[in-house]
Amino acid sequence: MDLFSPKHLLIVLVVVLLVFGTKKLRTIGSDLGQAVRGFKESMKDGEREAETPPAAIEARQITGQEREKAAATDKTPANEKTPV
């Protein structure tokens, strides 16, 4: 007795048709097909993006001294009250 014999597969197909109906199976099939197509398209887009070189980074890196200066100017005294 083979688990996937044609008799077993036919019985499973008949039970699925009885439970879901043909209209529901068509909509499930078309939705599944659209999902697979969307997945393939996104995979192709990802491959295209990986092949293109990244944009040049124009922002300059802040050195340690510049970072300390920026932090010092952003600090407000602790005793100064802000208006509410």
Protein backbone atom coordinates (compact mmCIF):
# COMPACT_ATOMS: atom_id res chain seq x y z
CA MET A 1 0.00 0.00 0.00
CA ASP A 2 1.54 3.20 -1.17
CA LEU A 3 0.56 6.37 0.66
CA PHE A 4 0.39 8.45 -2.53
CA SER A 5 -1.30 5.97 -4.82
CA PRO A 6 -3.71 7.37 -7.43
CA LYS A 7 -6.70 5.98 -5.49
CA HIS A 8 -5.72 7.90 -2.35
CA LEU A 9 -5.05 11.11 -4.23
CA LEU A 10 -8.40 10.84 -6.01
CA ILE A 11 -10.23 10.37 -2.69
CA VAL A 12 -8.46 13.39 -1.21
CA LEU A 13 -9.36 15.47 -4.28
CA VAL A 14 -13.03 14.51 -4.02
CA VAL A 15 -13.13 15.35 -0.30
CA VAL A 16 -11.48 18.73 -0.94
CA LEU A 17 -13.99 19.50 -3.70
CA LEU A 18 -16.88 18.61 -1.41
CA VAL A 19 -15.59 20.69 1.47
CA PHE A 20 -14.55 23.83 -0.42
CA GLY A 21 -16.52 23.75 -3.66
CA THR A 22 -15.24 24.62 -7.10
CA LYS A 23 -15.75 28.38 -6.86
CA LYS A 24 -13.78 28.67 -3.62
CA LEU A 25 -10.99 26.50 -5.04
CA ARG A 26 -10.74 28.75 -8.11
CA THR A 27 -10.39 31.87 -5.97
CA ILE A 28 -7.84 30.18 -3.72
CA GLY A 29 -5.85 29.10 -6.79
CA SER A 30 -5.87 32.54 -8.37
CA ASP A 31 -4.91 34.22 -5.08
CA LEU A 32 -2.08 31.76 -4.63
CA GLY A 33 -0.90 32.39 -8.19
CA GLN A 34 -0.88 36.16 -7.64
CA ALA A 35 1.07 35.73 -4.42
CA VAL A 36 3.70 33.61 -6.15
CA ARG A 37 4.02 36.13 -9.01
CA GLY A 38 4.40 38.98 -6.52
CA PHE A 39 7.06 37.05 -4.64
CA LYS A 40 9.01 36.37 -7.84
CA GLU A 41 8.81 40.04 -8.86
CA SER A 42 10.09 41.20 -5.48
CA MET A 43 12.95 38.71 -5.68
CA LYS A 44 13.90 40.07 -9.11
CA ASP A 45 13.70 43.65 -7.79
CA GLY A 46 15.95 42.70 -4.89
CA GLU A 47 18.49 41.18 -7.27
CA ARG A 48 18.43 44.34 -9.42
CA GLU A 49 18.98 46.54 -6.37
CA ALA A 50 21.87 44.36 -5.25
CA GLU A 51 23.53 44.69 -8.65
CA THR A 52 23.35 48.50 -8.76
CA PRO A 53 26.08 50.35 -6.85
CA PRO A 54 24.95 52.28 -3.79
CA ALA A 55 24.66 56.05 -4.03
CA ALA A 56 27.69 58.04 -3.01
CA ILE A 57 27.55 59.13 0.59
CA GLU A 58 27.82 62.90 0.66
CA ALA A 59 27.57 63.40 4.40
CA ARG A 60 30.92 63.88 6.03
CA GLN A 61 31.84 62.02 9.17
CA ILE A 62 32.08 64.01 12.34
CA THR A 63 35.39 63.74 14.13
CA GLY A 64 35.62 63.29 17.87
CA GLN A 65 36.43 66.97 18.53
CA GLU A 66 33.54 68.21 16.38
CA ARG A 67 31.19 65.84 18.18
CA GLU A 68 32.27 67.24 21.57
CA LYS A 69 31.77 70.81 20.35
CA ALA A 70 28.30 70.02 19.05
CA ALA A 71 27.35 68.32 22.31
CA ALA A 72 28.62 71.29 24.33
CA THR A 73 26.58 73.82 22.35
CA ASP A 74 23.41 71.72 22.55
CA LYS A 75 23.46 71.49 26.35
CA THR A 76 21.39 73.94 28.33
CA PRO A 77 22.13 74.72 31.95
CA ALA A 78 20.28 72.48 34.43
CA ASN A 79 19.08 75.42 36.54
CA GLU A 80 17.53 77.23 33.57
CA LYS A 81 13.77 76.75 33.46
CA THR A 82 11.99 76.38 30.17
CA PRO A 83 8.66 78.19 29.66
CA VAL A 84 5.63 75.92 29.57
